[in-house]
N, C-alpha and C. Protein backbone atom coordinates (compact mmCIF):
# COMPACT_ATOMS: atom_id res chain seq x y z
N MET A 1 6.24 -13.77 -26.41
CA MET A 1 6.81 -13.92 -27.74
C MET A 1 6.14 -12.92 -28.67
N HIS A 2 6.93 -12.21 -29.45
CA HIS A 2 6.38 -11.29 -30.42
C HIS A 2 6.15 -12.04 -31.73
N ARG A 3 4.95 -11.88 -32.31
CA ARG A 3 4.63 -12.60 -33.53
C ARG A 3 4.19 -11.61 -34.58
N LEU A 4 4.50 -11.93 -35.82
CA LEU A 4 4.21 -11.04 -36.95
C LEU A 4 3.36 -11.79 -37.95
N TYR A 5 2.30 -11.16 -38.41
CA TYR A 5 1.39 -11.83 -39.33
C TYR A 5 1.20 -10.97 -40.58
N PHE A 6 1.48 -11.54 -41.74
CA PHE A 6 1.19 -10.91 -43.02
C PHE A 6 0.19 -11.79 -43.75
N VAL A 7 -0.88 -11.20 -44.24
CA VAL A 7 -1.94 -11.98 -44.87
C VAL A 7 -2.24 -11.43 -46.24
N ALA A 8 -2.87 -12.25 -47.09
CA ALA A 8 -3.00 -11.89 -48.50
C ALA A 8 -4.37 -11.34 -48.86
N ASP A 9 -5.44 -11.77 -48.22
CA ASP A 9 -6.76 -11.29 -48.59
C ASP A 9 -7.67 -11.25 -47.37
N ARG A 10 -8.90 -10.77 -47.56
CA ARG A 10 -9.82 -10.59 -46.44
C ARG A 10 -10.13 -11.90 -45.74
N LEU A 11 -10.31 -12.98 -46.53
CA LEU A 11 -10.62 -14.27 -45.93
C LEU A 11 -9.49 -14.72 -45.01
N GLU A 12 -8.26 -14.54 -45.48
CA GLU A 12 -7.13 -14.94 -44.65
C GLU A 12 -7.04 -14.08 -43.39
N VAL A 13 -7.39 -12.79 -43.52
CA VAL A 13 -7.40 -11.93 -42.33
C VAL A 13 -8.37 -12.48 -41.30
N GLU A 14 -9.60 -12.83 -41.74
CA GLU A 14 -10.61 -13.33 -40.82
C GLU A 14 -10.20 -14.67 -40.22
N GLN A 15 -9.62 -15.55 -41.05
CA GLN A 15 -9.20 -16.85 -40.55
C GLN A 15 -8.08 -16.71 -39.53
N GLU A 16 -7.13 -15.82 -39.83
CA GLU A 16 -6.01 -15.62 -38.92
C GLU A 16 -6.49 -15.02 -37.60
N LEU A 17 -7.40 -14.06 -37.69
CA LEU A 17 -7.92 -13.42 -36.49
C LEU A 17 -8.66 -14.43 -35.61
N ASN A 18 -9.51 -15.27 -36.22
CA ASN A 18 -10.23 -16.29 -35.46
C ASN A 18 -9.27 -17.25 -34.78
N SER A 19 -8.21 -17.62 -35.51
CA SER A 19 -7.21 -18.52 -34.95
C SER A 19 -6.51 -17.89 -33.76
N LEU A 20 -6.15 -16.61 -33.90
CA LEU A 20 -5.47 -15.91 -32.82
C LEU A 20 -6.35 -15.77 -31.59
N ARG A 21 -7.63 -15.43 -31.81
CA ARG A 21 -8.55 -15.30 -30.68
C ARG A 21 -8.69 -16.62 -29.94
N ALA A 22 -8.82 -17.71 -30.70
CA ALA A 22 -8.95 -19.03 -30.08
C ALA A 22 -7.70 -19.37 -29.29
N ASN A 23 -6.54 -19.01 -29.84
CA ASN A 23 -5.28 -19.30 -29.18
C ASN A 23 -5.16 -18.53 -27.87
N ILE A 24 -5.53 -17.25 -27.90
CA ILE A 24 -5.44 -16.43 -26.71
C ILE A 24 -6.39 -16.93 -25.64
N LEU A 25 -7.64 -17.22 -26.03
CA LEU A 25 -8.64 -17.62 -25.06
C LEU A 25 -8.35 -18.99 -24.47
N SER A 26 -7.62 -19.84 -25.19
CA SER A 26 -7.35 -21.18 -24.70
C SER A 26 -6.21 -21.19 -23.69
N LYS A 27 -5.41 -20.16 -23.66
CA LYS A 27 -4.28 -20.10 -22.74
C LYS A 27 -4.67 -19.20 -21.56
N LYS A 28 -5.29 -19.80 -20.55
CA LYS A 28 -5.86 -19.02 -19.47
C LYS A 28 -4.79 -18.35 -18.61
N GLN A 29 -3.57 -18.88 -18.61
CA GLN A 29 -2.54 -18.30 -17.78
C GLN A 29 -1.85 -17.11 -18.44
N ILE A 30 -2.15 -16.86 -19.69
CA ILE A 30 -1.52 -15.73 -20.37
C ILE A 30 -2.42 -14.51 -20.21
N HIS A 31 -1.94 -13.51 -19.48
CA HIS A 31 -2.75 -12.32 -19.22
C HIS A 31 -2.06 -11.06 -19.71
N TYR A 32 -1.03 -11.21 -20.48
CA TYR A 32 -0.32 -10.03 -20.95
C TYR A 32 0.03 -10.22 -22.41
N ILE A 33 -0.33 -9.27 -23.25
CA ILE A 33 0.00 -9.32 -24.67
C ILE A 33 1.14 -8.34 -24.91
N GLY A 34 2.27 -8.86 -25.40
CA GLY A 34 3.44 -7.99 -25.62
C GLY A 34 3.24 -7.05 -26.78
N TYR A 35 4.21 -6.20 -26.93
CA TYR A 35 4.19 -5.26 -28.05
C TYR A 35 4.26 -6.02 -29.37
N LEU A 36 3.57 -5.50 -30.38
CA LEU A 36 3.58 -6.11 -31.71
C LEU A 36 4.42 -5.25 -32.62
N TYR A 37 5.42 -5.85 -33.23
CA TYR A 37 6.32 -5.11 -34.10
C TYR A 37 6.03 -5.44 -35.56
N LEU A 38 5.75 -4.43 -36.34
CA LEU A 38 5.54 -4.62 -37.77
C LEU A 38 6.86 -4.35 -38.50
N CYS A 39 7.60 -5.40 -38.73
CA CYS A 39 8.89 -5.23 -39.39
C CYS A 39 8.74 -4.66 -40.79
N GLY A 40 7.57 -4.82 -41.35
CA GLY A 40 7.35 -4.33 -42.70
C GLY A 40 7.53 -2.85 -42.86
N ILE A 41 7.47 -2.07 -41.75
CA ILE A 41 7.63 -0.63 -41.90
C ILE A 41 9.04 -0.26 -42.31
N HIS A 42 9.96 -1.20 -42.16
CA HIS A 42 11.34 -0.94 -42.55
C HIS A 42 11.63 -1.41 -43.98
N HIS A 43 10.63 -1.99 -44.63
CA HIS A 43 10.82 -2.52 -45.97
C HIS A 43 9.66 -2.06 -46.85
N PRO A 44 9.86 -2.06 -48.16
CA PRO A 44 8.76 -1.64 -49.05
C PRO A 44 7.57 -2.59 -48.93
N LEU A 45 6.42 -2.04 -48.57
CA LEU A 45 5.18 -2.80 -48.52
C LEU A 45 4.09 -1.96 -49.16
N ASN A 46 3.26 -2.56 -49.98
CA ASN A 46 2.19 -1.76 -50.55
C ASN A 46 1.14 -1.48 -49.50
N PHE A 47 0.30 -0.49 -49.75
CA PHE A 47 -0.68 -0.03 -48.76
C PHE A 47 -1.66 -1.13 -48.39
N LYS A 48 -2.02 -1.96 -49.37
CA LYS A 48 -2.99 -3.02 -49.11
C LYS A 48 -2.50 -3.97 -48.04
N HIS A 49 -1.24 -4.42 -48.16
CA HIS A 49 -0.70 -5.33 -47.16
C HIS A 49 -0.57 -4.66 -45.80
N MET A 50 -0.10 -3.42 -45.77
CA MET A 50 0.05 -2.72 -44.51
C MET A 50 -1.30 -2.53 -43.83
N TYR A 51 -2.31 -2.20 -44.63
CA TYR A 51 -3.66 -1.99 -44.09
C TYR A 51 -4.17 -3.25 -43.41
N LYS A 52 -3.96 -4.41 -44.06
CA LYS A 52 -4.44 -5.67 -43.50
C LYS A 52 -3.67 -6.04 -42.24
N CYS A 53 -2.38 -5.73 -42.22
CA CYS A 53 -1.60 -5.99 -41.00
C CYS A 53 -2.12 -5.14 -39.85
N LEU A 54 -2.45 -3.89 -40.14
CA LEU A 54 -2.95 -3.01 -39.10
C LEU A 54 -4.31 -3.48 -38.59
N ILE A 55 -5.14 -4.06 -39.47
CA ILE A 55 -6.42 -4.61 -39.03
C ILE A 55 -6.19 -5.70 -37.99
N VAL A 56 -5.25 -6.60 -38.27
CA VAL A 56 -4.96 -7.68 -37.34
C VAL A 56 -4.47 -7.13 -36.02
N VAL A 57 -3.54 -6.16 -36.07
CA VAL A 57 -3.00 -5.57 -34.85
C VAL A 57 -4.10 -4.91 -34.04
N PHE A 58 -4.95 -4.13 -34.70
CA PHE A 58 -6.04 -3.42 -34.01
C PHE A 58 -6.97 -4.41 -33.32
N CYS A 59 -7.35 -5.46 -34.02
CA CYS A 59 -8.27 -6.44 -33.44
C CYS A 59 -7.63 -7.18 -32.27
N LEU A 60 -6.34 -7.50 -32.40
CA LEU A 60 -5.65 -8.18 -31.31
C LEU A 60 -5.60 -7.31 -30.06
N LEU A 61 -5.29 -6.03 -30.26
CA LEU A 61 -5.20 -5.13 -29.12
C LEU A 61 -6.54 -5.02 -28.41
N ASN A 62 -7.63 -4.97 -29.17
CA ASN A 62 -8.95 -4.85 -28.57
C ASN A 62 -9.42 -6.16 -27.97
N ALA A 63 -9.05 -7.29 -28.60
CA ALA A 63 -9.53 -8.59 -28.12
C ALA A 63 -8.70 -9.12 -26.98
N GLY A 64 -7.38 -8.76 -26.94
CA GLY A 64 -6.51 -9.43 -26.00
C GLY A 64 -6.02 -8.62 -24.83
N THR A 65 -6.01 -7.28 -24.93
CA THR A 65 -5.37 -6.51 -23.89
C THR A 65 -6.33 -5.82 -22.96
N THR A 66 -7.59 -5.67 -23.36
CA THR A 66 -8.49 -4.90 -22.53
C THR A 66 -8.78 -5.58 -21.20
N PHE A 67 -8.61 -6.90 -21.11
CA PHE A 67 -8.90 -7.61 -19.88
C PHE A 67 -7.64 -7.92 -19.09
N ALA A 68 -6.49 -7.44 -19.53
CA ALA A 68 -5.22 -7.92 -18.99
C ALA A 68 -4.79 -7.21 -17.72
N GLN A 69 -5.42 -6.11 -17.34
CA GLN A 69 -4.97 -5.34 -16.19
C GLN A 69 -6.08 -5.21 -15.15
N GLN A 70 -5.67 -5.08 -13.90
CA GLN A 70 -6.61 -4.77 -12.83
C GLN A 70 -6.04 -3.66 -11.97
N ALA A 71 -6.89 -2.75 -11.56
CA ALA A 71 -6.46 -1.61 -10.75
C ALA A 71 -6.56 -1.97 -9.27
N TYR A 72 -5.56 -1.55 -8.50
CA TYR A 72 -5.55 -1.78 -7.07
C TYR A 72 -5.32 -0.46 -6.34
N ILE A 73 -5.87 -0.36 -5.15
CA ILE A 73 -5.61 0.78 -4.27
C ILE A 73 -5.23 0.25 -2.89
N TRP A 74 -4.07 0.65 -2.41
CA TRP A 74 -3.68 0.33 -1.03
C TRP A 74 -4.32 1.39 -0.16
N ASP A 75 -5.48 1.07 0.39
CA ASP A 75 -6.29 2.05 1.10
C ASP A 75 -5.55 2.67 2.28
N GLU A 76 -4.69 1.91 2.90
CA GLU A 76 -3.94 2.40 4.07
C GLU A 76 -3.19 3.69 3.75
N TYR A 77 -2.70 3.80 2.49
CA TYR A 77 -1.89 4.96 2.12
C TYR A 77 -2.41 5.68 0.88
N GLY A 78 -3.55 5.26 0.36
CA GLY A 78 -4.09 5.90 -0.83
C GLY A 78 -3.16 5.78 -2.03
N LEU A 79 -2.52 4.62 -2.15
CA LEU A 79 -1.57 4.37 -3.24
C LEU A 79 -2.24 3.51 -4.30
N ALA A 80 -2.29 4.01 -5.53
CA ALA A 80 -2.95 3.29 -6.62
C ALA A 80 -1.92 2.77 -7.62
N PHE A 81 -2.22 1.61 -8.21
CA PHE A 81 -1.34 1.01 -9.21
C PHE A 81 -2.13 -0.04 -9.97
N THR A 82 -1.59 -0.52 -11.07
CA THR A 82 -2.23 -1.58 -11.84
C THR A 82 -1.28 -2.76 -11.99
N VAL A 83 -1.87 -3.95 -12.03
CA VAL A 83 -1.11 -5.18 -12.22
C VAL A 83 -1.88 -6.07 -13.19
N ALA A 84 -1.23 -7.12 -13.67
CA ALA A 84 -1.92 -8.09 -14.52
C ALA A 84 -3.01 -8.79 -13.72
N ASP A 85 -4.05 -9.26 -14.40
CA ASP A 85 -5.20 -9.79 -13.66
C ASP A 85 -4.98 -11.19 -13.11
N ASP A 86 -3.77 -11.74 -13.25
CA ASP A 86 -3.48 -13.00 -12.58
C ASP A 86 -2.86 -12.77 -11.20
N PHE A 87 -2.62 -11.52 -10.82
CA PHE A 87 -2.06 -11.23 -9.51
C PHE A 87 -3.11 -11.41 -8.43
N VAL A 88 -2.67 -11.95 -7.28
CA VAL A 88 -3.54 -12.08 -6.11
C VAL A 88 -2.83 -11.46 -4.91
N GLU A 89 -3.62 -10.89 -4.05
CA GLU A 89 -3.11 -10.22 -2.85
C GLU A 89 -2.76 -11.26 -1.80
N VAL A 90 -1.55 -11.18 -1.21
CA VAL A 90 -1.14 -12.13 -0.18
C VAL A 90 -0.87 -11.46 1.16
N VAL A 91 -0.48 -10.18 1.14
CA VAL A 91 -0.27 -9.43 2.39
C VAL A 91 -0.82 -8.03 2.19
N ASN A 92 -1.59 -7.56 3.17
CA ASN A 92 -2.12 -6.20 3.12
C ASN A 92 -2.30 -5.69 4.54
N ASN A 93 -1.29 -4.99 5.04
CA ASN A 93 -1.38 -4.37 6.35
C ASN A 93 -0.62 -3.05 6.31
N SER A 94 -0.47 -2.40 7.43
CA SER A 94 0.17 -1.08 7.44
C SER A 94 1.66 -1.14 7.17
N ASP A 95 2.26 -2.34 7.25
CA ASP A 95 3.71 -2.47 7.07
C ASP A 95 4.11 -3.01 5.70
N GLU A 96 3.17 -3.62 4.99
CA GLU A 96 3.54 -4.28 3.73
C GLU A 96 2.30 -4.54 2.88
N PHE A 97 2.50 -4.42 1.57
CA PHE A 97 1.49 -4.85 0.61
C PHE A 97 2.20 -5.74 -0.40
N SER A 98 1.79 -7.00 -0.50
CA SER A 98 2.45 -7.94 -1.41
C SER A 98 1.42 -8.66 -2.27
N MET A 99 1.82 -8.92 -3.52
CA MET A 99 0.99 -9.65 -4.47
C MET A 99 1.86 -10.66 -5.21
N VAL A 100 1.21 -11.72 -5.68
CA VAL A 100 1.90 -12.76 -6.43
C VAL A 100 1.13 -13.01 -7.72
N GLY A 101 1.86 -13.05 -8.84
CA GLY A 101 1.26 -13.38 -10.12
C GLY A 101 1.94 -14.59 -10.73
N ASP A 102 1.67 -14.84 -11.97
CA ASP A 102 2.26 -15.99 -12.67
C ASP A 102 3.73 -15.73 -12.92
N GLY A 103 4.60 -16.27 -12.06
CA GLY A 103 6.04 -16.11 -12.21
C GLY A 103 6.57 -14.75 -11.78
N MET A 104 5.79 -13.99 -11.02
CA MET A 104 6.20 -12.65 -10.62
C MET A 104 5.67 -12.33 -9.23
N GLU A 105 6.47 -11.61 -8.45
CA GLU A 105 6.05 -11.16 -7.13
C GLU A 105 6.32 -9.67 -6.99
N MET A 106 5.47 -8.99 -6.23
CA MET A 106 5.66 -7.57 -5.97
C MET A 106 5.40 -7.28 -4.50
N THR A 107 6.29 -6.47 -3.90
CA THR A 107 6.13 -6.06 -2.51
C THR A 107 6.32 -4.56 -2.41
N ILE A 108 5.45 -3.90 -1.64
CA ILE A 108 5.57 -2.47 -1.38
C ILE A 108 5.79 -2.29 0.12
N ILE A 109 6.85 -1.57 0.47
CA ILE A 109 7.19 -1.32 1.87
C ILE A 109 7.16 0.19 2.12
N PRO A 110 6.31 0.67 3.03
CA PRO A 110 6.31 2.10 3.35
C PRO A 110 7.37 2.42 4.40
N PHE A 111 7.86 3.63 4.39
CA PHE A 111 8.75 4.08 5.46
C PHE A 111 8.56 5.58 5.64
N ILE A 112 8.68 6.02 6.89
CA ILE A 112 8.46 7.42 7.22
C ILE A 112 9.80 8.11 7.43
N ASP A 113 10.02 9.18 6.70
CA ASP A 113 11.25 9.97 6.82
C ASP A 113 10.96 11.37 6.30
N GLU A 114 10.90 12.34 7.19
CA GLU A 114 10.57 13.70 6.78
C GLU A 114 11.76 14.47 6.26
N THR A 115 12.96 13.89 6.37
CA THR A 115 14.18 14.61 5.96
C THR A 115 14.75 14.13 4.64
N ILE A 116 14.26 13.02 4.12
CA ILE A 116 14.86 12.43 2.93
C ILE A 116 14.65 13.32 1.71
N SER A 117 15.68 13.44 0.88
CA SER A 117 15.63 14.29 -0.30
C SER A 117 15.64 13.44 -1.57
N ASN A 118 15.52 14.12 -2.70
CA ASN A 118 15.56 13.41 -3.98
C ASN A 118 16.88 12.68 -4.16
N ASP A 119 17.98 13.34 -3.78
CA ASP A 119 19.29 12.71 -3.90
C ASP A 119 19.42 11.55 -2.92
N ASP A 120 18.87 11.72 -1.72
CA ASP A 120 18.96 10.67 -0.71
C ASP A 120 18.28 9.39 -1.17
N ILE A 121 17.11 9.50 -1.77
CA ILE A 121 16.36 8.31 -2.15
C ILE A 121 17.11 7.51 -3.21
N ALA A 122 17.82 8.19 -4.10
CA ALA A 122 18.62 7.47 -5.10
C ALA A 122 19.76 6.71 -4.42
N VAL A 123 20.40 7.37 -3.44
CA VAL A 123 21.50 6.72 -2.71
C VAL A 123 20.98 5.54 -1.91
N VAL A 124 19.86 5.74 -1.21
CA VAL A 124 19.29 4.66 -0.41
C VAL A 124 18.87 3.49 -1.29
N THR A 125 18.32 3.78 -2.45
CA THR A 125 17.94 2.72 -3.39
C THR A 125 19.16 1.91 -3.80
N MET A 126 20.27 2.60 -4.06
CA MET A 126 21.51 1.91 -4.40
C MET A 126 21.99 1.05 -3.24
N GLU A 127 21.89 1.58 -2.03
CA GLU A 127 22.34 0.83 -0.85
C GLU A 127 21.51 -0.43 -0.64
N ILE A 128 20.21 -0.33 -0.85
CA ILE A 128 19.35 -1.50 -0.70
C ILE A 128 19.67 -2.53 -1.78
N ALA A 129 19.91 -2.06 -3.01
CA ALA A 129 20.28 -2.97 -4.09
C ALA A 129 21.55 -3.73 -3.73
N ALA A 130 22.52 -3.02 -3.13
CA ALA A 130 23.77 -3.66 -2.72
C ALA A 130 23.52 -4.62 -1.56
N ALA A 131 22.66 -4.22 -0.61
CA ALA A 131 22.38 -5.06 0.55
C ALA A 131 21.67 -6.35 0.15
N LEU A 132 20.90 -6.31 -0.93
CA LEU A 132 20.23 -7.52 -1.42
C LEU A 132 21.22 -8.51 -2.03
N GLY A 133 22.45 -8.05 -2.28
CA GLY A 133 23.47 -8.92 -2.85
C GLY A 133 23.26 -9.24 -4.30
N LEU A 134 22.78 -8.27 -5.08
CA LEU A 134 22.53 -8.50 -6.49
C LEU A 134 23.82 -8.87 -7.22
N ASP A 135 23.72 -9.86 -8.11
CA ASP A 135 24.89 -10.28 -8.88
C ASP A 135 25.36 -9.19 -9.82
N ARG A 136 24.43 -8.44 -10.38
CA ARG A 136 24.79 -7.31 -11.22
C ARG A 136 23.67 -6.28 -11.14
N ILE A 137 24.05 -5.04 -11.27
CA ILE A 137 23.09 -3.94 -11.27
C ILE A 137 23.13 -3.32 -12.64
N ASP A 138 22.03 -3.45 -13.38
CA ASP A 138 22.00 -3.02 -14.77
C ASP A 138 21.77 -1.53 -14.92
N ASP A 139 21.01 -0.94 -14.00
CA ASP A 139 20.63 0.46 -14.19
C ASP A 139 20.26 1.08 -12.86
N ILE A 140 20.76 2.30 -12.63
CA ILE A 140 20.36 3.08 -11.47
C ILE A 140 20.07 4.48 -11.97
N SER A 141 18.92 5.02 -11.65
CA SER A 141 18.58 6.34 -12.17
C SER A 141 17.63 7.05 -11.23
N VAL A 142 17.60 8.38 -11.35
CA VAL A 142 16.65 9.22 -10.62
C VAL A 142 15.40 9.34 -11.48
N ILE A 143 14.23 9.25 -10.85
CA ILE A 143 12.99 9.24 -11.61
C ILE A 143 12.01 10.28 -11.07
N MET A 144 11.12 10.73 -11.94
CA MET A 144 9.94 11.53 -11.58
C MET A 144 8.74 10.79 -12.14
N LEU A 145 7.80 10.43 -11.28
CA LEU A 145 6.72 9.54 -11.70
C LEU A 145 5.40 9.93 -11.05
N ASN A 146 4.49 10.48 -11.84
CA ASN A 146 3.14 10.78 -11.37
C ASN A 146 3.12 11.53 -10.04
N GLY A 147 4.01 12.51 -9.91
CA GLY A 147 4.08 13.30 -8.68
C GLY A 147 5.09 12.80 -7.68
N PHE A 148 5.54 11.55 -7.83
CA PHE A 148 6.60 11.01 -6.98
C PHE A 148 7.97 11.41 -7.55
N ARG A 149 8.95 11.47 -6.66
CA ARG A 149 10.35 11.54 -7.06
C ARG A 149 11.06 10.38 -6.39
N GLY A 150 12.11 9.87 -7.03
CA GLY A 150 12.76 8.74 -6.39
C GLY A 150 13.92 8.18 -7.17
N GLY A 151 14.27 6.94 -6.82
CA GLY A 151 15.37 6.23 -7.45
C GLY A 151 14.91 4.88 -7.95
N TYR A 152 15.59 4.40 -8.99
CA TYR A 152 15.19 3.15 -9.63
C TYR A 152 16.43 2.34 -9.97
N ALA A 153 16.39 1.05 -9.70
CA ALA A 153 17.52 0.18 -10.01
C ALA A 153 17.02 -1.17 -10.50
N GLU A 154 17.82 -1.80 -11.37
CA GLU A 154 17.55 -3.16 -11.84
C GLU A 154 18.76 -4.02 -11.53
N GLY A 155 18.52 -5.26 -11.16
CA GLY A 155 19.62 -6.18 -10.91
C GLY A 155 19.17 -7.61 -11.03
N VAL A 156 20.11 -8.54 -10.81
CA VAL A 156 19.82 -9.97 -10.91
C VAL A 156 20.37 -10.67 -9.68
N LEU A 157 19.59 -11.60 -9.13
CA LEU A 157 20.02 -12.40 -8.00
C LEU A 157 19.45 -13.80 -8.16
N ASN A 158 20.34 -14.80 -8.19
CA ASN A 158 19.92 -16.20 -8.32
C ASN A 158 18.98 -16.42 -9.50
N ASN A 159 19.38 -15.86 -10.65
CA ASN A 159 18.64 -15.99 -11.91
C ASN A 159 17.27 -15.32 -11.87
N GLU A 160 17.04 -14.45 -10.90
CA GLU A 160 15.81 -13.68 -10.85
C GLU A 160 16.12 -12.21 -11.09
N LYS A 161 15.32 -11.60 -11.94
CA LYS A 161 15.43 -10.17 -12.18
C LYS A 161 14.74 -9.43 -11.05
N ILE A 162 15.35 -8.35 -10.58
CA ILE A 162 14.77 -7.57 -9.50
C ILE A 162 14.67 -6.11 -9.93
N PHE A 163 13.46 -5.58 -9.90
CA PHE A 163 13.23 -4.14 -10.08
C PHE A 163 13.05 -3.55 -8.68
N LEU A 164 13.82 -2.51 -8.39
CA LEU A 164 13.75 -1.86 -7.08
C LEU A 164 13.50 -0.38 -7.30
N MET A 165 12.45 0.14 -6.69
CA MET A 165 12.09 1.53 -6.88
C MET A 165 11.79 2.18 -5.54
N GLY A 166 12.48 3.30 -5.26
CA GLY A 166 12.20 4.08 -4.07
C GLY A 166 11.42 5.33 -4.47
N LEU A 167 10.32 5.61 -3.78
CA LEU A 167 9.45 6.72 -4.15
C LEU A 167 9.25 7.68 -2.98
N ILE A 168 9.51 8.96 -3.22
CA ILE A 168 9.24 10.01 -2.23
C ILE A 168 7.90 10.64 -2.55
N ASP A 169 7.04 10.71 -1.54
CA ASP A 169 5.77 11.41 -1.68
C ASP A 169 5.95 12.84 -1.17
N PRO A 170 5.97 13.83 -2.05
CA PRO A 170 6.21 15.21 -1.61
C PRO A 170 5.08 15.78 -0.77
N GLN A 171 3.92 15.11 -0.73
CA GLN A 171 2.77 15.60 0.02
C GLN A 171 2.70 15.03 1.44
N SER A 172 3.60 14.12 1.78
CA SER A 172 3.58 13.54 3.13
C SER A 172 4.99 13.05 3.47
N TYR A 173 5.13 12.55 4.70
CA TYR A 173 6.41 12.01 5.14
C TYR A 173 6.49 10.50 4.90
N THR A 174 5.44 9.92 4.37
CA THR A 174 5.44 8.49 4.10
C THR A 174 5.93 8.23 2.68
N ASN A 175 6.97 7.44 2.57
CA ASN A 175 7.58 7.11 1.28
C ASN A 175 7.51 5.60 1.09
N PHE A 176 7.92 5.13 -0.08
CA PHE A 176 7.71 3.72 -0.40
C PHE A 176 8.91 3.12 -1.14
N PHE A 177 9.14 1.84 -0.86
CA PHE A 177 10.01 1.03 -1.70
C PHE A 177 9.15 -0.04 -2.38
N VAL A 178 9.38 -0.22 -3.67
CA VAL A 178 8.67 -1.23 -4.45
C VAL A 178 9.69 -2.24 -4.97
N ILE A 179 9.46 -3.51 -4.71
CA ILE A 179 10.36 -4.57 -5.18
C ILE A 179 9.56 -5.55 -6.03
N ILE A 180 10.00 -5.74 -7.27
CA ILE A 180 9.34 -6.68 -8.19
C ILE A 180 10.37 -7.71 -8.63
N THR A 181 10.05 -8.98 -8.50
CA THR A 181 10.98 -10.04 -8.89
C THR A 181 10.31 -11.00 -9.88
N PHE A 182 11.12 -11.52 -10.81
CA PHE A 182 10.64 -12.48 -11.81
C PHE A 182 11.86 -13.12 -12.44
N LEU A 183 11.67 -14.14 -13.26
CA LEU A 183 12.78 -14.83 -13.89
C LEU A 183 13.54 -13.90 -14.83
N ASP A 184 14.86 -13.99 -14.80
CA ASP A 184 15.68 -13.15 -15.67
C ASP A 184 15.44 -13.54 -17.13
N ASP A 185 15.60 -12.56 -18.01
CA ASP A 185 15.48 -12.75 -19.47
C ASP A 185 14.07 -13.11 -19.92
N ASP A 186 13.06 -12.84 -19.11
CA ASP A 186 11.67 -13.02 -19.52
C ASP A 186 11.15 -11.67 -19.99
N GLN A 187 11.15 -11.46 -21.32
CA GLN A 187 10.83 -10.14 -21.85
C GLN A 187 9.40 -9.73 -21.53
N ASN A 188 8.47 -10.67 -21.57
CA ASN A 188 7.08 -10.34 -21.22
C ASN A 188 6.99 -9.85 -19.78
N ALA A 189 7.71 -10.53 -18.88
CA ALA A 189 7.70 -10.13 -17.48
C ALA A 189 8.35 -8.76 -17.30
N ILE A 190 9.41 -8.50 -18.06
CA ILE A 190 10.06 -7.18 -17.99
C ILE A 190 9.08 -6.10 -18.39
N ASP A 191 8.38 -6.30 -19.50
CA ASP A 191 7.39 -5.32 -19.96
C ASP A 191 6.30 -5.12 -18.91
N GLU A 192 5.86 -6.22 -18.31
CA GLU A 192 4.81 -6.14 -17.30
C GLU A 192 5.29 -5.38 -16.07
N ALA A 193 6.54 -5.66 -15.64
CA ALA A 193 7.09 -4.98 -14.47
C ALA A 193 7.24 -3.49 -14.72
N VAL A 194 7.66 -3.12 -15.93
CA VAL A 194 7.77 -1.70 -16.28
C VAL A 194 6.40 -1.04 -16.20
N ASN A 195 5.37 -1.70 -16.72
CA ASN A 195 4.02 -1.15 -16.68
C ASN A 195 3.54 -0.96 -15.24
N ILE A 196 3.87 -1.92 -14.37
CA ILE A 196 3.50 -1.78 -12.96
C ILE A 196 4.18 -0.56 -12.35
N CYS A 197 5.48 -0.43 -12.59
CA CYS A 197 6.24 0.70 -12.04
C CYS A 197 5.66 2.04 -12.49
N LEU A 198 5.32 2.12 -13.77
CA LEU A 198 4.82 3.38 -14.32
C LEU A 198 3.42 3.73 -13.83
N SER A 199 2.72 2.76 -13.26
CA SER A 199 1.32 2.99 -12.89
C SER A 199 1.14 3.61 -11.50
N PHE A 200 2.18 3.64 -10.69
CA PHE A 200 2.03 4.11 -9.31
C PHE A 200 1.65 5.58 -9.25
N GLN A 201 0.64 5.87 -8.44
CA GLN A 201 0.25 7.25 -8.21
C GLN A 201 -0.47 7.37 -6.87
N LYS A 202 -0.41 8.56 -6.31
CA LYS A 202 -1.06 8.83 -5.01
C LYS A 202 -2.43 9.43 -5.27
N LEU A 203 -3.45 8.93 -4.57
CA LEU A 203 -4.80 9.44 -4.74
C LEU A 203 -5.05 10.63 -3.81
């Protein structure tokens, strides 16, 4: 949930910040802080109010987000990525790497193909999305990501959102499919899944 706080004086800033910190720390299952939108930038606000809003935002970002991520390396393939710190590893072998978090699952499947091209991976990604029987496919696109090239698709199946990403490693014949699933219409989970996708890189 995105929340907006406007405060009137320094005391209220401190009281609000203490309240927010207590709220965050008391909810142990919440490991992701969503984007904070200052609607006031679209309306006349004096500098004093904007300054105090920015103080709250700055403190929240430092107090709440620095512990929210953990870095992982799939040693088998030298594949690095980050996930929320509630994720736990459930499968780790040469054929699959899977993790489970609060309401979210992620699986990475390697495959070897020395002939696959940038266009091929987009087509194959589409074919896998169709084979999964997705109720709807929201987006299919070609991507370039931290040295990888590939295809990306989003869809829904049985009220679960599915992110599907195919990645070509130009430095080897080993490529990857990444599948992330979570409840549909969960904006926090969508943001988290996007962050996971953007974090993939080869060491």
